Amino acid sequence: MSSASLRYLAVVNPAAGGGACGRHAPAAVDRLRQSGLDVDVIETRAAGEARELARTELAGTRRHFIAVGGDGTSFEIVNGLLDRPQNGERPTLGFLPLGTGNSFLRDFSDQGAEYAIDALKQGKRRPCDVIRVTHTAGVLHYINIFSIGFVADVCATRNRRFPGLGEFGYSLSTVLRVATLRPYVFPMRTDGRSGEDREPLTFLSINNSRFTGGKMMMAPDANTRDGLLDIIRVGRMGRISLLRTFPKIFEGTHVAHPAVACHQAPGVDFKLDAEVDAMIDGEMLKLNPTRLEVIPGAIDVRT
């Protein structure tokens, strides 16, 4: 089926990117329509609404969606698409990256909206793994990154104190959080590896794609269609070492540090005593995860 014969639903988060998404979305959608695509538009007004819209529309006849916003908008839509068992044609998700981070799309191009629009016009689609997070209060899904420990602290600080500074806000928040650096223990057992890991760490990142925070290459070897989690475990680091290592994340060379261990697995189990702050696809959540596992090729992405 050609892209021009499909009917898309563009879910627009007008608040994304500090309001830039609301200003630029109409023109971006018009470009898609002018190329012959049939695009309906719904704007969200509150957190969680994109998830509900995707769930409701998928229960009907809709199968093709466009996330217009940032990683948080995509996160909500993915959860709506995976909230119920899928029947029929696998859903597709395209992107108009008009938010702040737009990290997921960077795995495929650094051209942002231009690349995304061209991919939709050409009808590109490829299978994409989705990560299922089972926690003590339910289940959620993501396509980009799950981080706990120092990285979650940085994200929380950026969202709370520097929401309008974009990528620079992440860098500034990193420097501030170093001042309160402390080790964490997250008891975990990785599929295919013996024993429980209870060693102190600085942070733990479990990735489906390579980038986070815009241009930070957290997991250089991640592949969105290999059926594996990319687990980046950063052990104890001193403040000076962390500050020296942090800039290397933009090239992905931080993984060469002796405190950093990288491995792949289809799943990992946790045994935590309480909820923790978690950064998931740019969103800050408090939860107690019990298992993360890959759902291979759960959706198609238009990239």
C-alpha atoms as a PDB file:
ATOM      1  CA  MET A   1       0.000   0.000   0.000  1.00  0.00           C
ATOM      2  CA  SER A   2       1.462   3.371  -0.986  1.00  0.00           C
ATOM      3  CA  SER A   3       1.944   6.066   1.614  1.00  0.00           C
ATOM      4  CA  ALA A   4      -0.434   8.347  -0.272  1.00  0.00           C
ATOM      5  CA  SER A   5      -3.314   5.860   0.171  1.00  0.00           C
ATOM      6  CA  LEU A   6      -2.964   5.665   3.957  1.00  0.00           C
ATOM      7  CA  ARG A   7      -4.892   7.717   6.494  1.00  0.00           C
ATOM      8  CA  TYR A   8      -2.707   9.101   9.264  1.00  0.00           C
ATOM      9  CA  LEU A   9      -3.560  10.562  12.639  1.00  0.00           C
ATOM     10  CA  ALA A  10      -1.110  13.277  13.692  1.00  0.00           C
ATOM     11  CA  VAL A  11      -1.171  13.633  17.471  1.00  0.00           C
ATOM     12  CA  VAL A  12       0.184  17.100  18.255  1.00  0.00           C
ATOM     13  CA  ASN A  13       1.524  18.165  21.629  1.00  0.00           C
ATOM     14  CA  PRO A  14       1.468  21.969  21.232  1.00  0.00           C
ATOM     15  CA  ALA A  15       3.391  22.472  24.484  1.00  0.00           C
ATOM     16  CA  ALA A  16       6.413  20.437  23.317  1.00  0.00           C
ATOM     17  CA  GLY A  17       9.654  22.301  22.792  1.00  0.00           C
ATOM     18  CA  GLY A  18       8.547  25.123  25.032  1.00  0.00           C
ATOM     19  CA  GLY A  19       5.576  25.820  22.764  1.00  0.00           C
ATOM     20  CA  ALA A  20       7.563  25.675  19.518  1.00  0.00           C
ATOM     21  CA  CYS A  21       5.668  22.563  18.451  1.00  0.00           C
ATOM     22  CA  GLY A  22       2.335  24.364  18.566  1.00  0.00           C
ATOM     23  CA  ARG A  23       3.738  27.165  16.395  1.00  0.00           C
ATOM     24  CA  HIS A  24       5.412  24.975  13.770  1.00  0.00           C
ATOM     25  CA  ALA A  25       3.124  21.938  13.561  1.00  0.00           C
ATOM     26  CA  PRO A  26       0.511  23.425  11.169  1.00  0.00           C
ATOM     27  CA  ALA A  27       3.105  24.181   8.500  1.00  0.00           C
ATOM     28  CA  ALA A  28       4.752  20.765   8.877  1.00  0.00           C
ATOM     29  CA  VAL A  29       1.411  18.962   8.567  1.00  0.00           C
ATOM     30  CA  ASP A  30       0.523  21.091   5.521  1.00  0.00           C
ATOM     31  CA  ARG A  31       3.728  19.921   3.833  1.00  0.00           C
ATOM     32  CA  LEU A  32       2.636  16.328   4.306  1.00  0.00           C
ATOM     33  CA  ARG A  33      -0.822  17.068   2.924  1.00  0.00           C
ATOM     34  CA  GLN A  34       0.621  18.909  -0.069  1.00  0.00           C
ATOM     35  CA  SER A  35       2.634  15.789  -0.887  1.00  0.00           C
ATOM     36  CA  GLY A  36      -0.595  13.789  -1.094  1.00  0.00           C
ATOM     37  CA  LEU A  37      -0.819  12.275   2.391  1.00  0.00           C
ATOM     38  CA  ASP A  38      -4.196  12.055   4.110  1.00  0.00           C
ATOM     39  CA  VAL A  39      -3.544  13.443   7.597  1.00  0.00           C
ATOM     40  CA  ASP A  40      -6.052  14.055  10.388  1.00  0.00           C
ATOM     41  CA  VAL A  41      -4.889  16.165  13.346  1.00  0.00           C
ATOM     42  CA  ILE A  42      -5.708  16.098  17.042  1.00  0.00           C
ATOM     43  CA  GLU A  43      -4.028  18.368  19.590  1.00  0.00           C
ATOM     44  CA  THR A  44      -3.483  17.183  23.143  1.00  0.00           C
ATOM     45  CA  ARG A  45      -4.228  19.430  26.102  1.00  0.00           C
ATOM     46  CA  ALA A  46      -3.018  17.381  29.056  1.00  0.00           C
ATOM     47  CA  ALA A  47      -0.454  14.765  30.033  1.00  0.00           C
ATOM     48  CA  GLY A  48      -1.597  11.245  29.165  1.00  0.00           C
ATOM     49  CA  GLU A  49      -4.060  12.344  26.503  1.00  0.00           C
ATOM     50  CA  ALA A  50      -1.904  11.140  23.586  1.00  0.00           C
ATOM     51  CA  ARG A  51      -1.843   7.664  25.129  1.00  0.00           C
ATOM     52  CA  GLU A  52      -5.614   7.570  25.448  1.00  0.00           C
ATOM     53  CA  LEU A  53      -6.102   8.852  21.897  1.00  0.00           C
ATOM     54  CA  ALA A  54      -3.789   6.215  20.433  1.00  0.00           C
ATOM     55  CA  ARG A  55      -5.476   3.451  22.417  1.00  0.00           C
ATOM     56  CA  THR A  56      -8.957   4.534  21.352  1.00  0.00           C
ATOM     57  CA  GLU A  57      -8.094   5.050  17.695  1.00  0.00           C
ATOM     58  CA  LEU A  58      -6.242   1.732  17.447  1.00  0.00           C
ATOM     59  CA  ALA A  59      -9.300  -0.055  18.834  1.00  0.00           C
ATOM     60  CA  GLY A  60     -11.148   1.194  15.757  1.00  0.00           C
ATOM     61  CA  THR A  61      -9.737   1.127  12.237  1.00  0.00           C
ATOM     62  CA  ARG A  62      -6.776   3.466  12.668  1.00  0.00           C
ATOM     63  CA  ARG A  63      -3.319   1.960  12.203  1.00  0.00           C
ATOM     64  CA  HIS A  64      -1.048   4.827  11.163  1.00  0.00           C
ATOM     65  CA  PHE A  65       0.048   7.517  13.612  1.00  0.00           C
ATOM     66  CA  ILE A  66       2.406  10.496  13.622  1.00  0.00           C
ATOM     67  CA  ALA A  67       3.901  11.796  16.875  1.00  0.00           C
ATOM     68  CA  VAL A  68       4.172  15.580  16.581  1.00  0.00           C
ATOM     69  CA  GLY A  69       6.282  16.762  19.506  1.00  0.00           C
ATOM     70  CA  GLY A  70       9.261  15.259  21.316  1.00  0.00           C
ATOM     71  CA  ASP A  71      10.233  11.927  22.822  1.00  0.00           C
ATOM     72  CA  GLY A  72       7.529  12.299  25.462  1.00  0.00           C
ATOM     73  CA  THR A  73       4.816  12.482  22.798  1.00  0.00           C
ATOM     74  CA  SER A  74       6.138   9.328  21.137  1.00  0.00           C
ATOM     75  CA  PHE A  75       6.315   7.625  24.535  1.00  0.00           C
ATOM     76  CA  GLU A  76       2.637   8.265  25.199  1.00  0.00           C
ATOM     77  CA  ILE A  77       1.556   7.074  21.753  1.00  0.00           C
ATOM     78  CA  VAL A  78       3.644   3.895  21.976  1.00  0.00           C
ATOM     79  CA  ASN A  79       1.992   3.089  25.290  1.00  0.00           C
ATOM     80  CA  GLY A  80      -1.439   3.633  23.779  1.00  0.00           C
ATOM     81  CA  LEU A  81      -0.580   1.286  20.911  1.00  0.00           C
ATOM     82  CA  LEU A  82       0.677  -1.437  23.266  1.00  0.00           C
ATOM     83  CA  ASP A  83      -1.894  -1.093  26.059  1.00  0.00           C
ATOM     84  CA  ARG A  84      -3.975  -3.916  24.622  1.00  0.00           C
ATOM     85  CA  PRO A  85      -3.086  -7.083  22.678  1.00  0.00           C
ATOM     86  CA  GLN A  86      -2.725  -6.229  19.006  1.00  0.00           C
ATOM     87  CA  ASN A  87      -5.038  -7.645  16.376  1.00  0.00           C
ATOM     88  CA  GLY A  88      -4.736  -7.209  12.634  1.00  0.00           C
ATOM     89  CA  GLU A  89      -2.219  -4.978  10.893  1.00  0.00           C
ATOM     90  CA  ARG A  90       0.782  -3.896  12.949  1.00  0.00           C
ATOM     91  CA  PRO A  91       0.571  -0.168  13.790  1.00  0.00           C
ATOM     92  CA  THR A  92       3.018   2.318  12.339  1.00  0.00           C
ATOM     93  CA  LEU A  93       4.465   5.416  13.964  1.00  0.00           C
ATOM     94  CA  GLY A  94       5.942   8.365  12.103  1.00  0.00           C
ATOM     95  CA  PHE A  95       7.467  11.487  13.579  1.00  0.00           C
ATOM     96  CA  LEU A  96       7.420  15.241  13.245  1.00  0.00           C
ATOM     97  CA  PRO A  97      10.195  16.016  15.766  1.00  0.00           C
ATOM     98  CA  LEU A  98       9.244  19.470  17.007  1.00  0.00           C
ATOM     99  CA  GLY A  99       9.981  18.950  20.695  1.00  0.00           C
ATOM    100  CA  THR A 100      13.095  19.336  22.833  1.00  0.00           C
ATOM    101  CA  GLY A 101      15.043  16.069  22.746  1.00  0.00           C
ATOM    102  CA  ASN A 102      13.836  14.017  19.756  1.00  0.00           C
ATOM    103  CA  SER A 103      16.471  11.451  20.689  1.00  0.00           C
ATOM    104  CA  PHE A 104      14.921   8.358  19.110  1.00  0.00           C
ATOM    105  CA  LEU A 105      14.896   9.767  15.585  1.00  0.00           C
ATOM    106  CA  ARG A 106      18.615  10.596  15.819  1.00  0.00           C
ATOM    107  CA  ASP A 107      19.397   6.890  15.436  1.00  0.00           C
ATOM    108  CA  PHE A 108      18.359   7.269  11.813  1.00  0.00           C
ATOM    109  CA  SER A 109      19.293  10.843  10.907  1.00  0.00           C
ATOM    110  CA  ASP A 110      20.548  14.141  12.291  1.00  0.00           C
ATOM    111  CA  GLN A 111      18.334  16.073   9.874  1.00  0.00           C
ATOM    112  CA  GLY A 112      15.361  16.173  12.248  1.00  0.00           C
ATOM    113  CA  ALA A 113      12.041  17.284  10.783  1.00  0.00           C
ATOM    114  CA  GLU A 114      13.298  17.325   7.181  1.00  0.00           C
ATOM    115  CA  TYR A 115      14.276  13.666   7.353  1.00  0.00           C
ATOM    116  CA  ALA A 116      11.062  12.726   9.164  1.00  0.00           C
ATOM    117  CA  ILE A 117       8.859  14.460   6.596  1.00  0.00           C
ATOM    118  CA  ASP A 118      10.740  12.824   3.729  1.00  0.00           C
ATOM    119  CA  ALA A 119      10.411   9.391   5.368  1.00  0.00           C
ATOM    120  CA  LEU A 120       6.643   9.822   5.637  1.00  0.00           C
ATOM    121  CA  LYS A 121       6.353  11.067   2.058  1.00  0.00           C
ATOM    122  CA  GLN A 122       8.326   8.074   0.789  1.00  0.00           C
ATOM    123  CA  GLY A 123       6.273   5.623   2.847  1.00  0.00           C
ATOM    124  CA  LYS A 124       9.312   4.228   4.649  1.00  0.00           C
ATOM    125  CA  ARG A 125       8.690   1.701   7.402  1.00  0.00           C
ATOM    126  CA  ARG A 126      10.841  -0.681   9.401  1.00  0.00           C
ATOM    127  CA  PRO A 127      10.180  -3.021  12.344  1.00  0.00           C
ATOM    128  CA  CYS A 128      11.030  -1.584  15.743  1.00  0.00           C
ATOM    129  CA  ASP A 129      11.449  -3.377  19.042  1.00  0.00           C
ATOM    130  CA  VAL A 130       9.509  -2.092  22.036  1.00  0.00           C
ATOM    131  CA  ILE A 131      10.633  -2.584  25.626  1.00  0.00           C
ATOM    132  CA  ARG A 132       8.021  -3.713  28.131  1.00  0.00           C
ATOM    133  CA  VAL A 133       8.511  -2.512  31.714  1.00  0.00           C
ATOM    134  CA  THR A 134       6.615  -4.532  34.279  1.00  0.00           C
ATOM    135  CA  HIS A 135       6.453  -2.719  37.620  1.00  0.00           C
ATOM    136  CA  THR A 136       4.603  -3.254  40.860  1.00  0.00           C
ATOM    137  CA  ALA A 137       1.756  -0.951  39.783  1.00  0.00           C
ATOM    138  CA  GLY A 138       1.332  -2.074  36.181  1.00  0.00           C
ATOM    139  CA  VAL A 139       3.008  -2.180  32.767  1.00  0.00           C
ATOM    140  CA  LEU A 140       4.406   0.433  30.402  1.00  0.00           C
ATOM    141  CA  HIS A 141       6.454   0.483  27.189  1.00  0.00           C
ATOM    142  CA  TYR A 142       9.235   2.513  25.605  1.00  0.00           C
ATOM    143  CA  ILE A 143      11.345   2.694  22.435  1.00  0.00           C
ATOM    144  CA  ASN A 144      14.287   4.821  23.549  1.00  0.00           C
ATOM    145  CA  ILE A 145      15.827   4.615  27.032  1.00  0.00           C
ATOM    146  CA  PHE A 146      15.262   3.694  30.678  1.00  0.00           C
ATOM    147  CA  SER A 147      17.684   5.147  33.232  1.00  0.00           C
ATOM    148  CA  ILE A 148      17.888   5.093  36.999  1.00  0.00           C
ATOM    149  CA  GLY A 149      20.454   6.623  39.338  1.00  0.00           C
ATOM    150  CA  PHE A 150      22.480   9.704  38.425  1.00  0.00           C
ATOM    151  CA  VAL A 151      20.957  10.127  34.949  1.00  0.00           C
ATOM    152  CA  ALA A 152      17.449  10.179  36.407  1.00  0.00           C
ATOM    153  CA  ASP A 153      18.596  12.786  38.928  1.00  0.00           C
ATOM    154  CA  VAL A 154      19.956  14.931  36.086  1.00  0.00           C
ATOM    155  CA  CYS A 155      16.743  14.655  34.097  1.00  0.00           C
ATOM    156  CA  ALA A 156      14.642  15.553  37.124  1.00  0.00           C
ATOM    157  CA  THR A 157      16.779  18.631  37.766  1.00  0.00           C
ATOM    158  CA  ARG A 158      16.605  19.706  34.149  1.00  0.00           C
ATOM    159  CA  ASN A 159      12.806  19.333  34.026  1.00  0.00           C
ATOM    160  CA  ARG A 160      12.335  21.163  37.312  1.00  0.00           C
ATOM    161  CA  ARG A 161      14.857  24.007  36.998  1.00  0.00           C
ATOM    162  CA  PHE A 162      15.782  24.406  33.310  1.00  0.00           C
ATOM    163  CA  PRO A 163      12.846  23.267  31.164  1.00  0.00           C
ATOM    164  CA  GLY A 164      13.372  26.026  28.614  1.00  0.00           C
ATOM    165  CA  LEU A 165      17.099  25.517  27.965  1.00  0.00           C
ATOM    166  CA  GLY A 166      16.862  22.501  25.678  1.00  0.00           C
ATOM    167  CA  GLU A 167      19.992  20.344  25.410  1.00  0.00           C
ATOM    168  CA  PHE A 168      22.067  22.867  27.397  1.00  0.00           C
ATOM    169  CA  GLY A 169      19.734  22.262  30.322  1.00  0.00           C
ATOM    170  CA  TYR A 170      20.936  18.649  30.504  1.00  0.00           C
ATOM    171  CA  SER A 171      24.581  19.731  30.606  1.00  0.00           C
ATOM    172  CA  LEU A 172      23.956  22.323  33.299  1.00  0.00           C
ATOM    173  CA  SER A 173      21.934  19.872  35.381  1.00  0.00           C
ATOM    174  CA  THR A 174      24.739  17.321  35.149  1.00  0.00           C
ATOM    175  CA  VAL A 175      27.219  19.744  36.710  1.00  0.00           C
ATOM    176  CA  LEU A 176      24.785  20.581  39.515  1.00  0.00           C
ATOM    177  CA  ARG A 177      23.981  16.950  40.326  1.00  0.00           C
ATOM    178  CA  VAL A 178      27.663  16.037  40.549  1.00  0.00           C
ATOM    179  CA  ALA A 179      27.783  18.078  43.756  1.00  0.00           C
ATOM    180  CA  THR A 180      25.436  15.556  45.421  1.00  0.00           C
ATOM    181  CA  LEU A 181      26.856  12.454  43.744  1.00  0.00           C
ATOM    182  CA  ARG A 182      26.222   9.204  45.623  1.00  0.00           C
ATOM    183  CA  PRO A 183      26.322   5.482  44.805  1.00  0.00           C
ATOM    184  CA  TYR A 184      23.160   3.436  44.210  1.00  0.00           C
ATOM    185  CA  VAL A 185      22.394  -0.252  44.582  1.00  0.00           C
ATOM    186  CA  PHE A 186      19.760  -1.728  42.263  1.00  0.00           C
ATOM    187  CA  PRO A 187      19.668  -5.526  42.744  1.00  0.00           C
ATOM    188  CA  MET A 188      19.209  -7.070  39.306  1.00  0.00           C
ATOM    189  CA  ARG A 189      19.591 -10.315  37.420  1.00  0.00           C
ATOM    190  CA  THR A 190      20.243 -10.238  33.661  1.00  0.00           C
ATOM    191  CA  ASP A 191      18.992 -12.971  31.342  1.00  0.00           C
ATOM    192  CA  GLY A 192      21.841 -15.314  30.426  1.00  0.00           C
ATOM    193  CA  ARG A 193      24.118 -14.171  33.249  1.00  0.00           C
ATOM    194  CA  SER A 194      24.559 -15.972  36.535  1.00  0.00           C
ATOM    195  CA  GLY A 195      24.096 -14.391  39.939  1.00  0.00           C
ATOM    196  CA  GLU A 196      22.491 -11.227  41.195  1.00  0.00           C
ATOM    197  CA  ASP A 197      24.229  -7.884  40.641  1.00  0.00           C
ATOM    198  CA  ARG A 198      24.253  -5.819  43.831  1.00  0.00           C
ATOM    199  CA  GLU A 199      27.401  -3.819  43.180  1.00  0.00           C
ATOM    200  CA  PRO A 200      27.182  -0.053  43.821  1.00  0.00           C
ATOM    201  CA  LEU A 201      26.804   2.029  40.695  1.00  0.00           C
ATOM    202  CA  THR A 202      26.528   5.607  39.526  1.00  0.00           C
ATOM    203  CA  PHE A 203      23.722   4.910  37.112  1.00  0.00           C
ATOM    204  CA  LEU A 204      22.124   2.210  35.028  1.00  0.00           C
ATOM    205  CA  SER A 205      20.760   2.741  31.528  1.00  0.00           C
ATOM    206  CA  ILE A 206      18.779   0.130  29.601  1.00  0.00           C
ATOM    207  CA  ASN A 207      18.481   1.141  25.979  1.00  0.00           C
ATOM    208  CA  ASN A 208      16.595   0.285  22.835  1.00  0.00           C
ATOM    209  CA  SER A 209      18.154   3.075  20.747  1.00  0.00           C
ATOM    210  CA  ARG A 210      21.462   4.902  20.886  1.00  0.00           C
ATOM    211  CA  PHE A 211      20.748   8.497  21.864  1.00  0.00           C
ATOM    212  CA  THR A 212      19.310  10.383  24.822  1.00  0.00           C
ATOM    213  CA  GLY A 213      19.004  14.053  25.733  1.00  0.00           C
ATOM    214  CA  GLY A 214      19.212  15.008  22.064  1.00  0.00           C
ATOM    215  CA  LYS A 215      22.809  14.287  21.039  1.00  0.00           C
ATOM    216  CA  MET A 216      24.117  12.111  23.882  1.00  0.00           C
ATOM    217  CA  MET A 217      25.095   8.702  22.488  1.00  0.00           C
ATOM    218  CA  MET A 218      24.387   6.676  25.603  1.00  0.00           C
ATOM    219  CA  ALA A 219      24.440   3.243  23.929  1.00  0.00           C
ATOM    220  CA  PRO A 220      26.670   3.308  20.821  1.00  0.00           C
ATOM    221  CA  ASP A 221      25.904  -0.291  19.826  1.00  0.00           C
ATOM    222  CA  ALA A 222      22.137  -0.265  20.352  1.00  0.00           C
ATOM    223  CA  ASN A 223      19.950  -1.426  17.478  1.00  0.00           C
ATOM    224  CA  THR A 224      16.184  -0.914  17.469  1.00  0.00           C
ATOM    225  CA  ARG A 225      15.509  -4.210  15.681  1.00  0.00           C
ATOM    226  CA  ASP A 226      17.966  -6.718  17.184  1.00  0.00           C
ATOM    227  CA  GLY A 227      15.674  -8.109  19.911  1.00  0.00           C
ATOM    228  CA  LEU A 228      18.110  -7.108  22.675  1.00  0.00           C
ATOM    229  CA  LEU A 229      18.404  -4.581  25.454  1.00  0.00           C
ATOM    230  CA  ASP A 230      21.642  -2.593  25.523  1.00  0.00           C
ATOM    231  CA  ILE A 231      22.574  -2.355  29.195  1.00  0.00           C
ATOM    232  CA  ILE A 232      25.023   0.386  30.180  1.00  0.00           C
ATOM    233  CA  ARG A 233      26.127  -0.070  33.777  1.00  0.00           C
ATOM    234  CA  VAL A 234      28.302   2.666  35.265  1.00  0.00           C
ATOM    235  CA  GLY A 235      29.977   1.667  38.512  1.00  0.00           C
ATOM    236  CA  ARG A 236      31.389   3.935  41.186  1.00  0.00           C
ATOM    237  CA  MET A 237      32.878   7.172  39.889  1.00  0.00           C
ATOM    238  CA  GLY A 238      34.358  10.123  41.717  1.00  0.00           C
ATOM    239  CA  ARG A 239      33.158  13.623  40.957  1.00  0.00           C
ATOM    240  CA  ILE A 240      36.227  14.593  38.928  1.00  0.00           C
ATOM    241  CA  SER A 241      36.157  11.372  36.944  1.00  0.00           C
ATOM    242  CA  LEU A 242      32.462  11.804  36.168  1.00  0.00           C
ATOM    243  CA  LEU A 243      32.920  15.397  35.020  1.00  0.00           C
ATOM    244  CA  ARG A 244      35.820  14.355  32.782  1.00  0.00           C
ATOM    245  CA  THR A 245      33.907  11.422  31.352  1.00  0.00           C
ATOM    246  CA  PHE A 246      30.585  13.158  30.778  1.00  0.00           C
ATOM    247  CA  PRO A 247      31.588  15.115  27.631  1.00  0.00           C
ATOM    248  CA  LYS A 248      32.599  11.841  25.989  1.00  0.00           C
ATOM    249  CA  ILE A 249      28.963  10.724  25.910  1.00  0.00           C
ATOM    250  CA  PHE A 250      28.386  12.958  22.883  1.00  0.00           C
ATOM    251  CA  GLU A 251      30.717  10.709  20.870  1.00  0.00           C
ATOM    252  CA  GLY A 252      29.813   7.485  22.651  1.00  0.00           C
ATOM    253  CA  THR A 253      33.378   7.024  23.915  1.00  0.00           C
ATOM    254  CA  HIS A 254      32.357   7.107  27.588  1.00  0.00           C
ATOM    255  CA  VAL A 255      31.883   3.341  27.346  1.00  0.00           C
ATOM    256  CA  ALA A 256      35.689   2.945  27.269  1.00  0.00           C
ATOM    257  CA  HIS A 257      35.956   4.082  30.898  1.00  0.00           C
ATOM    258  CA  PRO A 258      36.955   1.214  33.233  1.00  0.00           C
ATOM    259  CA  ALA A 259      33.868   1.833  35.402  1.00  0.00           C
ATOM    260  CA  VAL A 260      31.506   1.345  32.449  1.00  0.00           C
ATOM    261  CA  ALA A 261      30.285  -2.143  31.541  1.00  0.00           C
ATOM    262  CA  CYS A 262      28.144  -2.797  28.450  1.00  0.00           C
ATOM    263  CA  HIS A 263      26.261  -5.950  27.612  1.00  0.00           C
ATOM    264  CA  GLN A 264      23.166  -7.101  25.755  1.00  0.00           C
ATOM    265  CA  ALA A 265      20.300  -9.340  26.804  1.00  0.00           C
ATOM    266  CA  PRO A 266      16.626  -9.926  25.964  1.00  0.00           C
ATOM    267  CA  GLY A 267      15.551  -9.090  29.517  1.00  0.00           C
ATOM    268  CA  VAL A 268      16.512  -8.146  33.050  1.00  0.00           C
ATOM    269  CA  ASP A 269      14.805  -8.667  36.426  1.00  0.00           C
ATOM    270  CA  PHE A 270      14.923  -6.285  39.381  1.00  0.00           C
ATOM    271  CA  LYS A 271      14.353  -6.833  43.067  1.00  0.00           C
ATOM    272  CA  LEU A 272      14.077  -3.381  44.604  1.00  0.00           C
ATOM    273  CA  ASP A 273      12.755  -2.511  48.049  1.00  0.00           C
ATOM    274  CA  ALA A 274      10.849   0.597  46.962  1.00  0.00           C
ATOM    275  CA  GLU A 275       9.984   2.885  44.085  1.00  0.00           C
ATOM    276  CA  VAL A 276      12.799   4.820  42.428  1.00  0.00           C
ATOM    277  CA  ASP A 277      12.983   7.835  40.126  1.00  0.00           C
ATOM    278  CA  ALA A 278      13.242   6.631  36.540  1.00  0.00           C
ATOM    279  CA  MET A 279      13.813   8.541  33.336  1.00  0.00           C
ATOM    280  CA  ILE A 280      11.958   6.805  30.514  1.00  0.00           C
ATOM    281  CA  ASP A 281      12.063   8.360  27.038  1.00  0.00           C
ATOM    282  CA  GLY A 282      12.608  11.778  28.592  1.00  0.00           C
ATOM    283  CA  GLU A 283       9.735  11.434  31.054  1.00  0.00           C
ATOM    284  CA  MET A 284      10.290  11.293  34.803  1.00  0.00           C
ATOM    285  CA  LEU A 285       8.343   8.567  36.601  1.00  0.00           C
ATOM    286  CA  LYS A 286       8.479   7.014  40.047  1.00  0.00           C
ATOM    287  CA  LEU A 287       8.045   3.244  39.994  1.00  0.00           C
ATOM    288  CA  ASN A 288       9.366  -0.088  41.234  1.00  0.00           C
ATOM    289  CA  PRO A 289      10.394  -2.112  38.167  1.00  0.00           C
ATOM    290  CA  THR A 290      10.362  -5.899  38.384  1.00  0.00           C
ATOM    291  CA  ARG A 291      11.244  -6.834  34.776  1.00  0.00           C
ATOM    292  CA  LEU A 292      12.290  -5.187  31.509  1.00  0.00           C
ATOM    293  CA  GLU A 293      12.080  -7.274  28.334  1.00  0.00           C
ATOM    294  CA  VAL A 294      12.105  -6.815  24.568  1.00  0.00           C
ATOM    295  CA  ILE A 295       9.004  -7.260  22.409  1.00  0.00           C
ATOM    296  CA  PRO A 296      10.704  -7.799  19.030  1.00  0.00           C
ATOM    297  CA  GLY A 297       9.279  -5.783  16.127  1.00  0.00           C
ATOM    298  CA  ALA A 298       6.155  -4.727  18.018  1.00  0.00           C
ATOM    299  CA  ILE A 299       5.547  -1.681  15.827  1.00  0.00           C
ATOM    300  CA  ASP A 300       6.779  -0.280  12.531  1.00  0.00           C
ATOM    301  CA  VAL A 301       8.446   3.124  12.567  1.00  0.00           C
ATOM    302  CA  ARG A 302       8.473   5.383   9.527  1.00  0.00           C
ATOM    303  CA  THR A 303      12.175   6.221   9.497  1.00  0.00           C
END
